[in-house]
Amino acid sequence: MIITTSETIAGKEIRETIGLVKGSATRSKMILSDIVASFRTIVGGEVKEYTQLMNQVREQALERLEESAKEQGADAIVAMRMSTSAIMQGVSEIVAYGTGVKLK
C-alpha cells in the first residue's frame, strides 16, 4: 500500500476518495527504561530507550492505519499525518491518520 504525506501520488491518478482512515497505539514507559533514562538525564545525551519505544509505537500506529485503509477498500493513503499526545504521566498515544483513496 502506498502511504504518502502529500495530497497526490506521482504517476498515479486517484479514482475515488474513501475518507478518513486512522490507526493508533498507546504505550507506557517501563521501569527499567526509566532508571536508565534518569541516569542519561544527569550526563546528557539521547535517551535511546525512549527513542526506541516511540519508534515501535509509531510503527504499530502505521500498521493499524494500513489495516484500517484495507478494511475500507483503499488502495493508498494520502495526506498522512501523525499526532502524539500524553494520556497520563508516562503514557503516550500516537495516532496516524490520512485519507484513504482508490487508484485508477
PDB file of N, CA and C in Angstrom:
ATOM      1  N   MET A   1       0.847  -1.175   0.000  1.00  0.00           N
ATOM      2  CA  MET A   1       0.000   0.000   0.000  1.00  0.00           C
ATOM      3  C   MET A   1       0.889   1.235   0.000  1.00  0.00           C
ATOM      4  N   ILE A   2       0.517   2.202  -0.817  1.00  0.00           N
ATOM      5  CA  ILE A   2       1.249   3.465  -0.863  1.00  0.00           C
ATOM      6  C   ILE A   2       0.717   4.368   0.245  1.00  0.00           C
ATOM      7  N   ILE A   3       1.627   4.881   1.050  1.00  0.00           N
ATOM      8  CA  ILE A   3       1.270   5.844   2.100  1.00  0.00           C
ATOM      9  C   ILE A   3       2.158   7.058   1.897  1.00  0.00           C
ATOM     10  N   THR A   4       1.536   8.224   1.745  1.00  0.00           N
ATOM     11  CA  THR A   4       2.306   9.437   1.488  1.00  0.00           C
ATOM     12  C   THR A   4       1.750  10.620   2.282  1.00  0.00           C
ATOM     13  N   THR A   5       2.631  11.541   2.590  1.00  0.00           N
ATOM     14  CA  THR A   5       2.200  12.750   3.291  1.00  0.00           C
ATOM     15  C   THR A   5       1.684  13.811   2.326  1.00  0.00           C
ATOM     16  N   SER A   6       1.893  13.598   1.032  1.00  0.00           N
ATOM     17  CA  SER A   6       1.406  14.566   0.045  1.00  0.00           C
ATOM     18  C   SER A   6      -0.058  14.262  -0.298  1.00  0.00           C
ATOM     19  N   GLU A   7      -0.693  15.203  -0.994  1.00  0.00           N
ATOM     20  CA  GLU A   7      -2.098  15.030  -1.350  1.00  0.00           C
ATOM     21  C   GLU A   7      -2.274  14.293  -2.675  1.00  0.00           C
ATOM     22  N   THR A   8      -1.185  14.054  -3.376  1.00  0.00           N
ATOM     23  CA  THR A   8      -1.212  13.316  -4.633  1.00  0.00           C
ATOM     24  C   THR A   8      -0.114  12.270  -4.606  1.00  0.00           C
ATOM     25  N   ILE A   9      -0.191  11.347  -5.561  1.00  0.00           N
ATOM     26  CA  ILE A   9       0.842  10.321  -5.703  1.00  0.00           C
ATOM     27  C   ILE A   9       1.392  10.448  -7.115  1.00  0.00           C
ATOM     28  N   ALA A  10       2.660  10.742  -7.213  1.00  0.00           N
ATOM     29  CA  ALA A  10       3.294  10.932  -8.523  1.00  0.00           C
ATOM     30  C   ALA A  10       3.068   9.711  -9.407  1.00  0.00           C
ATOM     31  N   GLY A  11       2.590   9.961 -10.625  1.00  0.00           N
ATOM     32  CA  GLY A  11       2.389   8.886 -11.582  1.00  0.00           C
ATOM     33  C   GLY A  11       1.113   8.094 -11.375  1.00  0.00           C
ATOM     34  N   LYS A  12       0.315   8.449 -10.388  1.00  0.00           N
ATOM     35  CA  LYS A  12      -0.932   7.730 -10.100  1.00  0.00           C
ATOM     36  C   LYS A  12      -2.093   8.719 -10.143  1.00  0.00           C
ATOM     37  N   GLU A  13      -3.263   8.201 -10.499  1.00  0.00           N
ATOM     38  CA  GLU A  13      -4.464   9.038 -10.509  1.00  0.00           C
ATOM     39  C   GLU A  13      -5.452   8.492  -9.486  1.00  0.00           C
ATOM     40  N   ILE A  14      -5.981   9.382  -8.669  1.00  0.00           N
ATOM     41  CA  ILE A  14      -6.963   8.980  -7.660  1.00  0.00           C
ATOM     42  C   ILE A  14      -8.327   8.866  -8.336  1.00  0.00           C
ATOM     43  N   ARG A  15      -8.918   7.688  -8.222  1.00  0.00           N
ATOM     44  CA  ARG A  15     -10.228   7.413  -8.819  1.00  0.00           C
ATOM     45  C   ARG A  15     -11.351   7.774  -7.857  1.00  0.00           C
ATOM     46  N   GLU A  16     -11.142   7.491  -6.560  1.00  0.00           N
ATOM     47  CA  GLU A  16     -12.211   7.675  -5.577  1.00  0.00           C
ATOM     48  C   GLU A  16     -11.605   7.960  -4.209  1.00  0.00           C
ATOM     49  N   THR A  17     -12.254   8.837  -3.479  1.00  0.00           N
ATOM     50  CA  THR A  17     -11.853   9.105  -2.097  1.00  0.00           C
ATOM     51  C   THR A  17     -12.710   8.259  -1.170  1.00  0.00           C
ATOM     52  N   ILE A  18     -12.056   7.454  -0.365  1.00  0.00           N
ATOM     53  CA  ILE A  18     -12.759   6.601   0.604  1.00  0.00           C
ATOM     54  C   ILE A  18     -13.120   7.418   1.849  1.00  0.00           C
ATOM     55  N   GLY A  19     -12.165   8.190   2.336  1.00  0.00           N
ATOM     56  CA  GLY A  19     -12.387   9.001   3.526  1.00  0.00           C
ATOM     57  C   GLY A  19     -11.312   8.767   4.574  1.00  0.00           C
ATOM     58  N   LEU A  20     -11.602   9.215   5.780  1.00  0.00           N
ATOM     59  CA  LEU A  20     -10.650   9.154   6.883  1.00  0.00           C
ATOM     60  C   LEU A  20     -10.300   7.711   7.232  1.00  0.00           C
ATOM     61  N   VAL A  21      -9.009   7.460   7.356  1.00  0.00           N
ATOM     62  CA  VAL A  21      -8.513   6.187   7.871  1.00  0.00           C
ATOM     63  C   VAL A  21      -7.541   6.524   8.999  1.00  0.00           C
ATOM     64  N   LYS A  22      -7.515   5.683  10.023  1.00  0.00           N
ATOM     65  CA  LYS A  22      -6.667   6.004  11.170  1.00  0.00           C
ATOM     66  C   LYS A  22      -6.218   4.739  11.884  1.00  0.00           C
ATOM     67  N   GLY A  23      -5.140   4.892  12.607  1.00  0.00           N
ATOM     68  CA  GLY A  23      -4.623   3.816  13.439  1.00  0.00           C
ATOM     69  C   GLY A  23      -3.916   4.437  14.624  1.00  0.00           C
ATOM     70  N   SER A  24      -4.077   3.848  15.785  1.00  0.00           N
ATOM     71  CA  SER A  24      -3.422   4.413  16.967  1.00  0.00           C
ATOM     72  C   SER A  24      -2.775   3.316  17.792  1.00  0.00           C
ATOM     73  N   ALA A  25      -1.817   3.728  18.600  1.00  0.00           N
ATOM     74  CA  ALA A  25      -1.136   2.821  19.517  1.00  0.00           C
ATOM     75  C   ALA A  25      -0.788   3.606  20.767  1.00  0.00           C
ATOM     76  N   THR A  26      -0.904   2.957  21.903  1.00  0.00           N
ATOM     77  CA  THR A  26      -0.646   3.587  23.192  1.00  0.00           C
ATOM     78  C   THR A  26       0.367   2.743  23.949  1.00  0.00           C
ATOM     79  N   ARG A  27       1.336   3.402  24.540  1.00  0.00           N
ATOM     80  CA  ARG A  27       2.354   2.685  25.315  1.00  0.00           C
ATOM     81  C   ARG A  27       2.709   3.450  26.572  1.00  0.00           C
ATOM     82  N   SER A  28       3.130   2.706  27.558  1.00  0.00           N
ATOM     83  CA  SER A  28       3.647   3.328  28.777  1.00  0.00           C
ATOM     84  C   SER A  28       5.138   3.048  28.870  1.00  0.00           C
ATOM     85  N   LYS A  29       5.808   3.872  29.643  1.00  0.00           N
ATOM     86  CA  LYS A  29       7.241   3.664  29.860  1.00  0.00           C
ATOM     87  C   LYS A  29       7.424   2.450  30.760  1.00  0.00           C
ATOM     88  N   MET A  30       8.595   1.836  30.651  1.00  0.00           N
ATOM     89  CA  MET A  30       8.917   0.697  31.502  1.00  0.00           C
ATOM     90  C   MET A  30       9.838   1.171  32.621  1.00  0.00           C
ATOM     91  N   ILE A  31       9.717   0.580  33.763  1.00  0.00           N
ATOM     92  CA  ILE A  31      10.509   0.990  34.928  1.00  0.00           C
ATOM     93  C   ILE A  31      12.004   0.912  34.635  1.00  0.00           C
ATOM     94  N   LEU A  32      12.457  -0.168  34.000  1.00  0.00           N
ATOM     95  CA  LEU A  32      13.883  -0.317  33.704  1.00  0.00           C
ATOM     96  C   LEU A  32      14.355   0.813  32.797  1.00  0.00           C
ATOM     97  N   SER A  33      13.559   1.152  31.782  1.00  0.00           N
ATOM     98  CA  SER A  33      13.923   2.257  30.894  1.00  0.00           C
ATOM     99  C   SER A  33      13.988   3.567  31.656  1.00  0.00           C
ATOM    100  N   ASP A  34      13.061   3.747  32.599  1.00  0.00           N
ATOM    101  CA  ASP A  34      13.051   4.965  33.407  1.00  0.00           C
ATOM    102  C   ASP A  34      14.326   5.108  34.229  1.00  0.00           C
ATOM    103  N   ILE A  35      14.805   4.017  34.769  1.00  0.00           N
ATOM    104  CA  ILE A  35      16.024   4.052  35.584  1.00  0.00           C
ATOM    105  C   ILE A  35      17.215   4.446  34.721  1.00  0.00           C
ATOM    106  N   VAL A  36      17.344   3.793  33.554  1.00  0.00           N
ATOM    107  CA  VAL A  36      18.446   4.106  32.641  1.00  0.00           C
ATOM    108  C   VAL A  36      18.323   5.545  32.154  1.00  0.00           C
ATOM    109  N   ALA A  37      17.102   5.954  31.804  1.00  0.00           N
ATOM    110  CA  ALA A  37      16.872   7.313  31.310  1.00  0.00           C
ATOM    111  C   ALA A  37      17.218   8.356  32.360  1.00  0.00           C
ATOM    112  N   SER A  38      16.934   8.076  33.629  1.00  0.00           N
ATOM    113  CA  SER A  38      17.248   9.048  34.672  1.00  0.00           C
ATOM    114  C   SER A  38      18.756   9.262  34.786  1.00  0.00           C
ATOM    115  N   PHE A  39      19.544   8.213  34.574  1.00  0.00           N
ATOM    116  CA  PHE A  39      20.999   8.376  34.561  1.00  0.00           C
ATOM    117  C   PHE A  39      21.448   9.203  33.358  1.00  0.00           C
ATOM    118  N   ARG A  40      20.803   8.990  32.207  1.00  0.00           N
ATOM    119  CA  ARG A  40      21.168   9.737  30.999  1.00  0.00           C
ATOM    120  C   ARG A  40      20.848  11.224  31.148  1.00  0.00           C
ATOM    121  N   THR A  41      19.799  11.549  31.882  1.00  0.00           N
ATOM    122  CA  THR A  41      19.457  12.967  32.046  1.00  0.00           C
ATOM    123  C   THR A  41      20.503  13.683  32.890  1.00  0.00           C
ATOM    124  N   ILE A  42      21.200  12.943  33.705  1.00  0.00           N
ATOM    125  CA  ILE A  42      22.259  13.540  34.528  1.00  0.00           C
ATOM    126  C   ILE A  42      23.462  13.908  33.670  1.00  0.00           C
ATOM    127  N   VAL A  43      23.859  13.001  32.786  1.00  0.00           N
ATOM    128  CA  VAL A  43      25.052  13.230  31.964  1.00  0.00           C
ATOM    129  C   VAL A  43      24.735  13.836  30.605  1.00  0.00           C
ATOM    130  N   GLY A  44      23.463  13.839  30.226  1.00  0.00           N
ATOM    131  CA  GLY A  44      23.055  14.404  28.941  1.00  0.00           C
ATOM    132  C   GLY A  44      23.119  13.388  27.826  1.00  0.00           C
ATOM    133  N   GLY A  45      22.544  13.747  26.693  1.00  0.00           N
ATOM    134  CA  GLY A  45      22.562  12.874  25.521  1.00  0.00           C
ATOM    135  C   GLY A  45      21.196  12.295  25.231  1.00  0.00           C
ATOM    136  N   GLU A  46      21.140  11.572  24.133  1.00  0.00           N
ATOM    137  CA  GLU A  46      19.882  10.961  23.692  1.00  0.00           C
ATOM    138  C   GLU A  46      19.459   9.863  24.657  1.00  0.00           C
ATOM    139  N   VAL A  47      18.178   9.810  24.938  1.00  0.00           N
ATOM    140  CA  VAL A  47      17.624   8.742  25.763  1.00  0.00           C
ATOM    141  C   VAL A  47      17.150   7.656  24.790  1.00  0.00           C
ATOM    142  N   LYS A  48      18.064   6.788  24.439  1.00  0.00           N
ATOM    143  CA  LYS A  48      17.824   5.800  23.390  1.00  0.00           C
ATOM    144  C   LYS A  48      16.682   4.852  23.723  1.00  0.00           C
ATOM    145  N   GLU A  49      16.480   4.567  24.989  1.00  0.00           N
ATOM    146  CA  GLU A  49      15.405   3.661  25.389  1.00  0.00           C
ATOM    147  C   GLU A  49      14.039   4.241  24.993  1.00  0.00           C
ATOM    148  N   TYR A  50      13.865   5.538  25.187  1.00  0.00           N
ATOM    149  CA  TYR A  50      12.596   6.183  24.825  1.00  0.00           C
ATOM    150  C   TYR A  50      12.485   6.354  23.316  1.00  0.00           C
ATOM    151  N   THR A  51      13.598   6.632  22.648  1.00  0.00           N
ATOM    152  CA  THR A  51      13.581   6.746  21.189  1.00  0.00           C
ATOM    153  C   THR A  51      13.125   5.433  20.573  1.00  0.00           C
ATOM    154  N   GLN A  52      13.676   4.330  21.056  1.00  0.00           N
ATOM    155  CA  GLN A  52      13.300   3.010  20.553  1.00  0.00           C
ATOM    156  C   GLN A  52      11.831   2.718  20.841  1.00  0.00           C
ATOM    157  N   LEU A  53      11.371   3.039  22.032  1.00  0.00           N
ATOM    158  CA  LEU A  53       9.980   2.812  22.407  1.00  0.00           C
ATOM    159  C   LEU A  53       9.036   3.585  21.483  1.00  0.00           C
ATOM    160  N   MET A  54       9.324   4.862  21.252  1.00  0.00           N
ATOM    161  CA  MET A  54       8.447   5.681  20.414  1.00  0.00           C
ATOM    162  C   MET A  54       8.502   5.231  18.951  1.00  0.00           C
ATOM    163  N   ASN A  55       9.654   4.768  18.485  1.00  0.00           N
ATOM    164  CA  ASN A  55       9.740   4.228  17.123  1.00  0.00           C
ATOM    165  C   ASN A  55       8.846   3.000  16.969  1.00  0.00           C
ATOM    166  N   GLN A  56       8.831   2.144  17.973  1.00  0.00           N
ATOM    167  CA  GLN A  56       7.977   0.956  17.939  1.00  0.00           C
ATOM    168  C   GLN A  56       6.499   1.348  17.931  1.00  0.00           C
ATOM    169  N   VAL A  57       6.137   2.347  18.720  1.00  0.00           N
ATOM    170  CA  VAL A  57       4.746   2.786  18.781  1.00  0.00           C
ATOM    171  C   VAL A  57       4.327   3.404  17.445  1.00  0.00           C
ATOM    172  N   ARG A  58       5.198   4.198  16.831  1.00  0.00           N
ATOM    173  CA  ARG A  58       4.887   4.780  15.515  1.00  0.00           C
ATOM    174  C   ARG A  58       4.652   3.690  14.472  1.00  0.00           C
ATOM    175  N   GLU A  59       5.510   2.667  14.463  1.00  0.00           N
ATOM    176  CA  GLU A  59       5.355   1.567  13.505  1.00  0.00           C
ATOM    177  C   GLU A  59       4.032   0.843  13.720  1.00  0.00           C
ATOM    178  N   GLN A  60       3.660   0.637  14.973  1.00  0.00           N
ATOM    179  CA  GLN A  60       2.398  -0.043  15.257  1.00  0.00           C
ATOM    180  C   GLN A  60       1.208   0.814  14.805  1.00  0.00           C
ATOM    181  N   ALA A  61       1.275   2.120  15.023  1.00  0.00           N
ATOM    182  CA  ALA A  61       0.204   3.012  14.572  1.00  0.00           C
ATOM    183  C   ALA A  61       0.093   2.981  13.048  1.00  0.00           C
ATOM    184  N   LEU A  62       1.229   2.964  12.342  1.00  0.00           N
ATOM    185  CA  LEU A  62       1.218   2.884  10.879  1.00  0.00           C
ATOM    186  C   LEU A  62       0.622   1.562  10.392  1.00  0.00           C
ATOM    187  N   GLU A  63       0.947   0.465  11.064  1.00  0.00           N
ATOM    188  CA  GLU A  63       0.378  -0.837  10.701  1.00  0.00           C
ATOM    189  C   GLU A  63      -1.140  -0.814  10.859  1.00  0.00           C
ATOM    190  N   ARG A  64      -1.606  -0.231  11.947  1.00  0.00           N
ATOM    191  CA  ARG A  64      -3.051  -0.150  12.181  1.00  0.00           C
ATOM    192  C   ARG A  64      -3.732   0.798  11.194  1.00  0.00           C
ATOM    193  N   LEU A  65      -3.032   1.851  10.790  1.00  0.00           N
ATOM    194  CA  LEU A  65      -3.543   2.758   9.766  1.00  0.00           C
ATOM    195  C   LEU A  65      -3.751   1.990   8.465  1.00  0.00           C
ATOM    196  N   GLU A  66      -2.758   1.222   8.069  1.00  0.00           N
ATOM    197  CA  GLU A  66      -2.850   0.441   6.836  1.00  0.00           C
ATOM    198  C   GLU A  66      -3.980  -0.578   6.918  1.00  0.00           C
ATOM    199  N   GLU A  67      -4.141  -1.246   8.064  1.00  0.00           N
ATOM    200  CA  GLU A  67      -5.236  -2.204   8.254  1.00  0.00           C
ATOM    201  C   GLU A  67      -6.584  -1.516   8.083  1.00  0.00           C
ATOM    202  N   SER A  68      -6.725  -0.336   8.673  1.00  0.00           N
ATOM    203  CA  SER A  68      -7.968   0.429   8.575  1.00  0.00           C
ATOM    204  C   SER A  68      -8.275   0.769   7.117  1.00  0.00           C
ATOM    205  N   ALA A  69      -7.256   1.190   6.388  1.00  0.00           N
ATOM    206  CA  ALA A  69      -7.434   1.549   4.982  1.00  0.00           C
ATOM    207  C   ALA A  69      -7.856   0.329   4.163  1.00  0.00           C
ATOM    208  N   LYS A  70      -7.211  -0.802   4.393  1.00  0.00           N
ATOM    209  CA  LYS A  70      -7.554  -2.022   3.654  1.00  0.00           C
ATOM    210  C   LYS A  70      -8.987  -2.452   3.953  1.00  0.00           C
ATOM    211  N   GLU A  71      -9.380  -2.384   5.216  1.00  0.00           N
ATOM    212  CA  GLU A  71     -10.742  -2.757   5.606  1.00  0.00           C
ATOM    213  C   GLU A  71     -11.787  -1.890   4.906  1.00  0.00           C
ATOM    214  N   GLN A  72     -11.429  -0.645   4.613  1.00  0.00           N
ATOM    215  CA  GLN A  72     -12.361   0.268   3.955  1.00  0.00           C
ATOM    216  C   GLN A  72     -12.231   0.233   2.426  1.00  0.00           C
ATOM    217  N   GLY A  73     -11.346  -0.616   1.910  1.00  0.00           N
ATOM    218  CA  GLY A  73     -11.210  -0.794   0.474  1.00  0.00           C
ATOM    219  C   GLY A  73     -10.264   0.173  -0.212  1.00  0.00           C
ATOM    220  N   ALA A  74      -9.414   0.848   0.532  1.00  0.00           N
ATOM    221  CA  ALA A  74      -8.481   1.809  -0.059  1.00  0.00           C
ATOM    222  C   ALA A  74      -7.267   1.105  -0.665  1.00  0.00           C
ATOM    223  N   ASP A  75      -6.740   1.712  -1.723  1.00  0.00           N
ATOM    224  CA  ASP A  75      -5.512   1.233  -2.355  1.00  0.00           C
ATOM    225  C   ASP A  75      -4.294   1.994  -1.845  1.00  0.00           C
ATOM    226  N   ALA A  76      -4.535   3.205  -1.346  1.00  0.00           N
ATOM    227  CA  ALA A  76      -3.442   4.075  -0.908  1.00  0.00           C
ATOM    228  C   ALA A  76      -3.973   5.041   0.146  1.00  0.00           C
ATOM    229  N   ILE A  77      -3.029   5.710   0.805  1.00  0.00           N
ATOM    230  CA  ILE A  77      -3.370   6.728   1.805  1.00  0.00           C
ATOM    231  C   ILE A  77      -2.604   7.986   1.450  1.00  0.00           C
ATOM    232  N   VAL A  78      -3.318   9.090   1.313  1.00  0.00           N
ATOM    233  CA  VAL A  78      -2.683  10.374   1.040  1.00  0.00           C
ATOM    234  C   VAL A  78      -2.878  11.294   2.240  1.00  0.00           C
ATOM    235  N   ALA A  79      -2.079  12.343   2.285  1.00  0.00           N
ATOM    236  CA  ALA A  79      -2.148  13.349   3.360  1.00  0.00           C
ATOM    237  C   ALA A  79      -2.015  12.710   4.740  1.00  0.00           C
ATOM    238  N   MET A  80      -1.128  11.715   4.857  1.00  0.00           N
ATOM    239  CA  MET A  80      -0.932  11.028   6.128  1.00  0.00           C
ATOM    240  C   MET A  80      -0.214  11.938   7.122  1.00  0.00           C
ATOM    241  N   ARG A  81      -0.682  11.912   8.348  1.00  0.00           N
ATOM    242  CA  ARG A  81      -0.083  12.685   9.433  1.00  0.00           C
ATOM    243  C   ARG A  81      -0.013  11.809  10.678  1.00  0.00           C
ATOM    244  N   MET A  82       0.809  12.250  11.628  1.00  0.00           N
ATOM    245  CA  MET A  82       0.894  11.590  12.934  1.00  0.00           C
ATOM    246  C   MET A  82       0.763  12.635  14.016  1.00  0.00           C
ATOM    247  N   SER A  83       0.145  12.220  15.090  1.00  0.00           N
ATOM    248  CA  SER A  83      -0.024  13.103  16.238  1.00  0.00           C
ATOM    249  C   SER A  83       0.323  12.320  17.494  1.00  0.00           C
ATOM    250  N   THR A  84       0.976  12.979  18.419  1.00  0.00           N
ATOM    251  CA  THR A  84       1.350  12.353  19.680  1.00  0.00           C
ATOM    252  C   THR A  84       0.706  13.111  20.827  1.00  0.00           C
ATOM    253  N   SER A  85       0.199  12.368  21.792  1.00  0.00           N
ATOM    254  CA  SER A  85      -0.376  13.029  22.966  1.00  0.00           C
ATOM    255  C   SER A  85      -0.064  12.199  24.206  1.00  0.00           C
ATOM    256  N   ALA A  86      -0.029  12.887  25.324  1.00  0.00           N
ATOM    257  CA  ALA A  86       0.167  12.217  26.604  1.00  0.00           C
ATOM    258  C   ALA A  86      -1.211  11.975  27.210  1.00  0.00           C
ATOM    259  N   ILE A  87      -1.515  10.729  27.473  1.00  0.00           N
ATOM    260  CA  ILE A  87      -2.807  10.386  28.062  1.00  0.00           C
ATOM    261  C   ILE A  87      -2.755  10.591  29.566  1.00  0.00           C
ATOM    262  N   MET A  88      -1.652  10.209  30.151  1.00  0.00           N
ATOM    263  CA  MET A  88      -1.382  10.425  31.573  1.00  0.00           C
ATOM    264  C   MET A  88       0.129  10.382  31.724  1.00  0.00           C
ATOM    265  N   GLN A  89       0.629  10.682  32.881  1.00  0.00           N
ATOM    266  CA  GLN A  89       2.070  10.694  33.067  1.00  0.00           C
ATOM    267  C   GLN A  89       2.653   9.322  32.740  1.00  0.00           C
ATOM    268  N   GLY A  90       3.598   9.313  31.808  1.00  0.00           N
ATOM    269  CA  GLY A  90       4.265   8.075  31.432  1.00  0.00           C
ATOM    270  C   GLY A  90       3.549   7.263  30.369  1.00  0.00           C
ATOM    271  N   VAL A  91       2.392   7.752  29.868  1.00  0.00           N
ATOM    272  CA  VAL A  91       1.636   7.024  28.846  1.00  0.00           C
ATOM    273  C   VAL A  91       1.399   7.944  27.661  1.00  0.00           C
ATOM    274  N   SER A  92       1.839   7.501  26.490  1.00  0.00           N
ATOM    275  CA  SER A  92       1.683   8.297  25.268  1.00  0.00           C
ATOM    276  C   SER A  92       0.888   7.523  24.234  1.00  0.00           C
ATOM    277  N   GLU A  93       0.160   8.285  23.416  1.00  0.00           N
ATOM    278  CA  GLU A  93      -0.567   7.704  22.294  1.00  0.00           C
ATOM    279  C   GLU A  93      -0.078   8.359  21.019  1.00  0.00           C
ATOM    280  N   ILE A  94       0.091   7.558  19.997  1.00  0.00           N
ATOM    281  CA  ILE A  94       0.395   8.079  18.669  1.00  0.00           C
ATOM    282  C   ILE A  94      -0.758   7.672  17.760  1.00  0.00           C
ATOM    283  N   VAL A  95      -1.281   8.661  17.048  1.00  0.00           N
ATOM    284  CA  VAL A  95      -2.352   8.436  16.082  1.00  0.00           C
ATOM    285  C   VAL A  95      -1.804   8.742  14.700  1.00  0.00           C
ATOM    286  N   ALA A  96      -1.964   7.803  13.790  1.00  0.00           N
ATOM    287  CA  ALA A  96      -1.606   8.023  12.383  1.00  0.00           C
ATOM    288  C   ALA A  96      -2.929   8.101  11.630  1.00  0.00           C
ATOM    289  N   TYR A  97      -3.075   9.135  10.789  1.00  0.00           N
ATOM    290  CA  TYR A  97      -4.339   9.304  10.078  1.00  0.00           C
ATOM    291  C   TYR A  97      -4.088   9.891   8.700  1.00  0.00           C
ATOM    292  N   GLY A  98      -5.042   9.705   7.824  1.00  0.00           N
ATOM    293  CA  GLY A  98      -4.932  10.224   6.472  1.00  0.00           C
ATOM    294  C   GLY A  98      -6.221   9.966   5.720  1.00  0.00           C
ATOM    295  N   THR A  99      -6.155  10.165   4.415  1.00  0.00           N
ATOM    296  CA  THR A  99      -7.314   9.965   3.556  1.00  0.00           C
ATOM    297  C   THR A  99      -7.090   8.716   2.718  1.00  0.00           C
ATOM    298  N   GLY A 100      -7.985   7.752   2.869  1.00  0.00           N
ATOM    299  CA  GLY A 100      -7.918   6.543   2.066  1.00  0.00           C
ATOM    300  C   GLY A 100      -8.464   6.825   0.672  1.00  0.00           C
ATOM    301  N   VAL A 101      -7.790   6.326  -0.352  1.00  0.00           N
ATOM    302  CA  VAL A 101      -8.208   6.548  -1.730  1.00  0.00           C
ATOM    303  C   VAL A 101      -8.089   5.252  -2.540  1.00  0.00           C
ATOM    304  N   LYS A 102      -8.848   5.203  -3.642  1.00  0.00           N
ATOM    305  CA  LYS A 102      -8.707   4.137  -4.626  1.00  0.00           C
ATOM    306  C   LYS A 102      -8.011   4.755  -5.834  1.00  0.00           C
ATOM    307  N   LEU A 103      -7.103   3.999  -6.403  1.00  0.00           N
ATOM    308  CA  LEU A 103      -6.342   4.488  -7.558  1.00  0.00           C
ATOM    309  C   LEU A 103      -6.884   3.900  -8.849  1.00  0.00           C
ATOM    310  N   LYS A 104      -6.662   4.629  -9.949  1.00  0.00           N
ATOM    311  CA  LYS A 104      -7.045   4.107 -11.279  1.00  0.00           C
ATOM    312  C   LYS A 104      -6.027   3.108 -11.739  1.00  0.00           C
TER     313      LYS A 104
END
